[in-house]
Amino acid sequence: MIPRYQLLKSQINRFLLALAVPISLVGAVTLPTQLQTATAQSTGNRPLTIRSDIQEYDAKSQVITARGNVQMLYPARQIQATSAQAQYFSKERRIDFSGNVYILQQGNNSIRAEKVTYLIDEGKFLALPQANRQVESVYMVEDNAIRQTTTPAPKTPALKRSN
């Protein structure tokens, strides 16, 4: 009988080998040194990195499941995310996050929810709250009204005294 630790080691080795193929397809081997402007349509491969305690890859469905302290980094869209679990559906080009999801985009905008689906090609987030709770989004909005009040008022003509 094979000792339990050797069986676990064998399973981890098989998992790592199975994970190497989709990672190379996704282009998640290296991170670019500069963040690029977020765009809905991108050409070529862009790295999307997912880190977690455990990851599984189903070669038949081409789904990567990450569990435990999940961290996603997608510099091409300036997106960072954390959650308890994430699933990357490579055929549908979709990521489903679940469990205390926090997404930060462009360094300022954020979403907090129990479940979030990110549609990669559309650049859309669909967020769902826990039961009897709400989703929270924070967006930095440029307020043109404030900008206009900071400009100096036009000069009024000087009063003329009548004699």
C-alpha atoms as a PDB file:
ATOM      1  CA  MET A   1       0.000   0.000   0.000  1.00  0.00           C
ATOM      2  CA  ILE A   2       1.270   3.487  -0.912  1.00  0.00           C
ATOM      3  CA  PRO A   3       1.818   5.831   2.059  1.00  0.00           C
ATOM      4  CA  ARG A   4      -0.622   8.725   2.140  1.00  0.00           C
ATOM      5  CA  TYR A   5       2.034  11.436   1.735  1.00  0.00           C
ATOM      6  CA  GLN A   6       3.379   9.778  -1.435  1.00  0.00           C
ATOM      7  CA  LEU A   7      -0.137   9.559  -2.871  1.00  0.00           C
ATOM      8  CA  LEU A   8      -0.696  13.258  -2.122  1.00  0.00           C
ATOM      9  CA  LYS A   9       2.679  14.124  -3.670  1.00  0.00           C
ATOM     10  CA  SER A  10       1.764  12.157  -6.800  1.00  0.00           C
ATOM     11  CA  GLN A  11      -1.599  13.925  -7.066  1.00  0.00           C
ATOM     12  CA  ILE A  12       0.054  17.338  -6.669  1.00  0.00           C
ATOM     13  CA  ASN A  13       2.580  16.509  -9.407  1.00  0.00           C
ATOM     14  CA  ARG A  14      -0.204  15.447 -11.783  1.00  0.00           C
ATOM     15  CA  PHE A  15      -2.152  18.585 -10.941  1.00  0.00           C
ATOM     16  CA  LEU A  16       0.843  20.843 -11.578  1.00  0.00           C
ATOM     17  CA  LEU A  17       1.460  19.188 -14.932  1.00  0.00           C
ATOM     18  CA  ALA A  18      -2.211  19.601 -15.910  1.00  0.00           C
ATOM     19  CA  LEU A  19      -2.113  23.240 -14.766  1.00  0.00           C
ATOM     20  CA  ALA A  20       0.965  24.073 -16.839  1.00  0.00           C
ATOM     21  CA  VAL A  21      -0.909  23.778 -20.147  1.00  0.00           C
ATOM     22  CA  PRO A  22      -3.736  26.256 -19.432  1.00  0.00           C
ATOM     23  CA  ILE A  23      -1.372  28.700 -17.757  1.00  0.00           C
ATOM     24  CA  SER A  24       0.774  28.805 -20.862  1.00  0.00           C
ATOM     25  CA  LEU A  25      -2.347  29.267 -22.999  1.00  0.00           C
ATOM     26  CA  VAL A  26      -3.594  32.115 -20.836  1.00  0.00           C
ATOM     27  CA  GLY A  27      -0.186  33.738 -20.860  1.00  0.00           C
ATOM     28  CA  ALA A  28      -0.025  33.877 -17.078  1.00  0.00           C
ATOM     29  CA  VAL A  29       3.608  32.945 -16.780  1.00  0.00           C
ATOM     30  CA  THR A  30       4.957  36.499 -16.469  1.00  0.00           C
ATOM     31  CA  LEU A  31       3.563  39.849 -15.468  1.00  0.00           C
ATOM     32  CA  PRO A  32       4.247  42.978 -17.501  1.00  0.00           C
ATOM     33  CA  THR A  33       6.180  45.679 -15.689  1.00  0.00           C
ATOM     34  CA  GLN A  34       3.753  48.434 -16.704  1.00  0.00           C
ATOM     35  CA  LEU A  35      -0.014  48.585 -16.295  1.00  0.00           C
ATOM     36  CA  GLN A  36      -1.782  49.275 -19.528  1.00  0.00           C
ATOM     37  CA  THR A  37      -5.009  51.175 -20.072  1.00  0.00           C
ATOM     38  CA  ALA A  38      -8.096  49.025 -19.528  1.00  0.00           C
ATOM     39  CA  THR A  39      -9.846  48.199 -22.781  1.00  0.00           C
ATOM     40  CA  ALA A  40     -12.880  46.050 -23.514  1.00  0.00           C
ATOM     41  CA  GLN A  41     -11.322  44.584 -26.658  1.00  0.00           C
ATOM     42  CA  SER A  42      -7.724  43.514 -26.478  1.00  0.00           C
ATOM     43  CA  THR A  43      -5.604  41.882 -29.117  1.00  0.00           C
ATOM     44  CA  GLY A  44      -3.048  39.203 -28.424  1.00  0.00           C
ATOM     45  CA  ASN A  45      -2.448  37.339 -25.193  1.00  0.00           C
ATOM     46  CA  ARG A  46      -2.457  39.280 -21.935  1.00  0.00           C
ATOM     47  CA  PRO A  47      -1.456  37.696 -18.627  1.00  0.00           C
ATOM     48  CA  LEU A  48      -4.161  37.031 -16.069  1.00  0.00           C
ATOM     49  CA  THR A  49      -2.617  35.604 -12.909  1.00  0.00           C
ATOM     50  CA  ILE A  50      -4.564  33.685 -10.281  1.00  0.00           C
ATOM     51  CA  ARG A  51      -2.922  32.680  -7.000  1.00  0.00           C
ATOM     52  CA  SER A  52      -4.568  30.493  -4.349  1.00  0.00           C
ATOM     53  CA  ASP A  53      -3.971  27.788  -1.774  1.00  0.00           C
ATOM     54  CA  ILE A  54      -5.331  25.061  -4.082  1.00  0.00           C
ATOM     55  CA  GLN A  55      -6.015  24.986  -7.832  1.00  0.00           C
ATOM     56  CA  GLU A  56      -7.601  22.322 -10.021  1.00  0.00           C
ATOM     57  CA  TYR A  57      -7.798  22.119 -13.808  1.00  0.00           C
ATOM     58  CA  ASP A  58     -10.396  20.118 -15.721  1.00  0.00           C
ATOM     59  CA  ALA A  59      -8.902  19.530 -19.175  1.00  0.00           C
ATOM     60  CA  LYS A  60     -12.207  18.372 -20.640  1.00  0.00           C
ATOM     61  CA  SER A  61     -14.227  21.460 -19.678  1.00  0.00           C
ATOM     62  CA  GLN A  62     -11.155  23.745 -19.613  1.00  0.00           C
ATOM     63  CA  VAL A  63     -12.159  25.151 -16.217  1.00  0.00           C
ATOM     64  CA  ILE A  64      -9.634  26.218 -13.589  1.00  0.00           C
ATOM     65  CA  THR A  65     -10.927  26.243 -10.009  1.00  0.00           C
ATOM     66  CA  ALA A  66      -8.934  28.123  -7.368  1.00  0.00           C
ATOM     67  CA  ARG A  67      -9.769  27.798  -3.650  1.00  0.00           C
ATOM     68  CA  GLY A  68      -8.487  29.488  -0.528  1.00  0.00           C
ATOM     69  CA  ASN A  69      -7.050  33.003  -0.387  1.00  0.00           C
ATOM     70  CA  VAL A  70      -7.660  33.594  -4.094  1.00  0.00           C
ATOM     71  CA  GLN A  71      -5.891  36.592  -5.608  1.00  0.00           C
ATOM     72  CA  MET A  72      -6.324  37.586  -9.240  1.00  0.00           C
ATOM     73  CA  LEU A  73      -4.244  40.165 -11.076  1.00  0.00           C
ATOM     74  CA  TYR A  74      -5.156  41.310 -14.597  1.00  0.00           C
ATOM     75  CA  PRO A  75      -2.873  44.276 -15.398  1.00  0.00           C
ATOM     76  CA  ALA A  76      -4.196  44.768 -18.946  1.00  0.00           C
ATOM     77  CA  ARG A  77      -7.554  45.812 -17.459  1.00  0.00           C
ATOM     78  CA  GLN A  78      -6.101  47.228 -14.230  1.00  0.00           C
ATOM     79  CA  ILE A  79      -8.096  44.726 -12.146  1.00  0.00           C
ATOM     80  CA  GLN A  80      -7.167  43.109  -8.834  1.00  0.00           C
ATOM     81  CA  ALA A  81      -9.505  40.734  -7.019  1.00  0.00           C
ATOM     82  CA  THR A  82      -9.623  38.637  -3.867  1.00  0.00           C
ATOM     83  CA  SER A  83     -12.127  35.945  -2.889  1.00  0.00           C
ATOM     84  CA  ALA A  84     -12.492  32.564  -1.208  1.00  0.00           C
ATOM     85  CA  GLN A  85     -12.943  30.786  -4.556  1.00  0.00           C
ATOM     86  CA  ALA A  86     -12.701  31.577  -8.260  1.00  0.00           C
ATOM     87  CA  GLN A  87     -13.431  29.606 -11.411  1.00  0.00           C
ATOM     88  CA  TYR A  88     -11.994  30.579 -14.793  1.00  0.00           C
ATOM     89  CA  PHE A  89     -14.099  29.261 -17.689  1.00  0.00           C
ATOM     90  CA  SER A  90     -11.656  29.604 -20.574  1.00  0.00           C
ATOM     91  CA  LYS A  91     -14.178  28.612 -23.294  1.00  0.00           C
ATOM     92  CA  GLU A  92     -16.738  31.202 -22.130  1.00  0.00           C
ATOM     93  CA  ARG A  93     -14.003  33.717 -21.169  1.00  0.00           C
ATOM     94  CA  ARG A  94     -15.644  34.245 -17.795  1.00  0.00           C
ATOM     95  CA  ILE A  95     -14.472  34.265 -14.179  1.00  0.00           C
ATOM     96  CA  ASP A  96     -16.851  33.472 -11.308  1.00  0.00           C
ATOM     97  CA  PHE A  97     -15.704  34.688  -7.886  1.00  0.00           C
ATOM     98  CA  SER A  98     -17.430  33.605  -4.666  1.00  0.00           C
ATOM     99  CA  GLY A  99     -16.976  34.147  -0.959  1.00  0.00           C
ATOM    100  CA  ASN A 100     -16.191  37.630   0.343  1.00  0.00           C
ATOM    101  CA  VAL A 101     -15.319  39.032  -3.086  1.00  0.00           C
ATOM    102  CA  TYR A 102     -13.436  42.320  -3.343  1.00  0.00           C
ATOM    103  CA  ILE A 103     -12.530  43.733  -6.748  1.00  0.00           C
ATOM    104  CA  LEU A 104     -10.418  46.835  -7.289  1.00  0.00           C
ATOM    105  CA  GLN A 105     -10.295  48.358 -10.765  1.00  0.00           C
ATOM    106  CA  GLN A 106      -8.077  51.190 -11.991  1.00  0.00           C
ATOM    107  CA  GLY A 107      -6.798  51.702  -8.449  1.00  0.00           C
ATOM    108  CA  ASN A 108      -9.962  53.527  -7.301  1.00  0.00           C
ATOM    109  CA  ASN A 109     -13.214  51.802  -8.261  1.00  0.00           C
ATOM    110  CA  SER A 110     -14.250  48.798  -6.177  1.00  0.00           C
ATOM    111  CA  ILE A 111     -16.968  46.164  -5.738  1.00  0.00           C
ATOM    112  CA  ARG A 112     -17.730  44.105  -2.615  1.00  0.00           C
ATOM    113  CA  ALA A 113     -20.154  41.188  -2.904  1.00  0.00           C
ATOM    114  CA  GLU A 114     -20.670  37.523  -2.089  1.00  0.00           C
ATOM    115  CA  LYS A 115     -20.564  36.479  -5.761  1.00  0.00           C
ATOM    116  CA  VAL A 116     -19.219  38.319  -8.809  1.00  0.00           C
ATOM    117  CA  THR A 117     -19.075  37.181 -12.424  1.00  0.00           C
ATOM    118  CA  TYR A 118     -16.575  38.947 -14.680  1.00  0.00           C
ATOM    119  CA  LEU A 119     -17.260  38.709 -18.415  1.00  0.00           C
ATOM    120  CA  ILE A 120     -13.816  39.257 -19.905  1.00  0.00           C
ATOM    121  CA  ASP A 121     -14.748  40.142 -23.500  1.00  0.00           C
ATOM    122  CA  GLU A 122     -17.489  42.555 -22.434  1.00  0.00           C
ATOM    123  CA  GLY A 123     -15.547  44.040 -19.521  1.00  0.00           C
ATOM    124  CA  LYS A 124     -18.649  43.642 -17.304  1.00  0.00           C
ATOM    125  CA  PHE A 125     -19.087  42.704 -13.656  1.00  0.00           C
ATOM    126  CA  LEU A 126     -22.293  41.082 -12.379  1.00  0.00           C
ATOM    127  CA  ALA A 127     -22.435  41.151  -8.570  1.00  0.00           C
ATOM    128  CA  LEU A 128     -24.784  39.345  -6.147  1.00  0.00           C
ATOM    129  CA  PRO A 129     -24.978  39.938  -2.378  1.00  0.00           C
ATOM    130  CA  GLN A 130     -25.327  37.538   0.541  1.00  0.00           C
ATOM    131  CA  ALA A 131     -28.911  36.862   1.645  1.00  0.00           C
ATOM    132  CA  ASN A 132     -30.515  39.985   3.159  1.00  0.00           C
ATOM    133  CA  ARG A 133     -27.452  42.096   2.328  1.00  0.00           C
ATOM    134  CA  GLN A 134     -26.428  44.415  -0.479  1.00  0.00           C
ATOM    135  CA  VAL A 135     -23.627  44.736  -2.983  1.00  0.00           C
ATOM    136  CA  GLU A 136     -21.341  47.712  -2.406  1.00  0.00           C
ATOM    137  CA  SER A 137     -19.655  49.558  -5.262  1.00  0.00           C
ATOM    138  CA  VAL A 138     -17.458  52.616  -4.939  1.00  0.00           C
ATOM    139  CA  TYR A 139     -16.722  54.604  -8.083  1.00  0.00           C
ATOM    140  CA  MET A 140     -14.582  57.696  -8.348  1.00  0.00           C
ATOM    141  CA  VAL A 141     -16.644  60.187 -10.325  1.00  0.00           C
ATOM    142  CA  GLU A 142     -15.163  63.351 -11.746  1.00  0.00           C
ATOM    143  CA  ASP A 143     -17.499  66.154 -10.772  1.00  0.00           C
ATOM    144  CA  ASN A 144     -17.523  68.895 -13.399  1.00  0.00           C
ATOM    145  CA  ALA A 145     -19.648  71.160 -11.158  1.00  0.00           C
ATOM    146  CA  ILE A 146     -16.857  71.342  -8.593  1.00  0.00           C
ATOM    147  CA  ARG A 147     -14.323  71.990 -11.308  1.00  0.00           C
ATOM    148  CA  GLN A 148     -16.396  74.933 -12.628  1.00  0.00           C
ATOM    149  CA  THR A 149     -16.693  76.607  -9.213  1.00  0.00           C
ATOM    150  CA  THR A 150     -12.935  76.677  -8.831  1.00  0.00           C
ATOM    151  CA  THR A 151     -12.513  78.876 -11.901  1.00  0.00           C
ATOM    152  CA  PRO A 152     -12.433  82.559 -11.068  1.00  0.00           C
ATOM    153  CA  ALA A 153     -15.628  84.545 -11.519  1.00  0.00           C
ATOM    154  CA  PRO A 154     -15.647  86.962 -14.448  1.00  0.00           C
ATOM    155  CA  LYS A 155     -14.549  90.504 -13.607  1.00  0.00           C
ATOM    156  CA  THR A 156     -17.316  93.042 -13.286  1.00  0.00           C
ATOM    157  CA  PRO A 157     -16.805  96.521 -14.686  1.00  0.00           C
ATOM    158  CA  ALA A 158     -15.821  99.207 -12.214  1.00  0.00           C
ATOM    159  CA  LEU A 159     -18.619 101.412 -10.892  1.00  0.00           C
ATOM    160  CA  LYS A 160     -18.712 104.943 -12.271  1.00  0.00           C
ATOM    161  CA  ARG A 161     -19.519 107.705  -9.825  1.00  0.00           C
ATOM    162  CA  SER A 162     -22.058 110.209 -10.849  1.00  0.00           C
ATOM    163  CA  ASN A 163     -21.360 113.853  -9.893  1.00  0.00           C
END
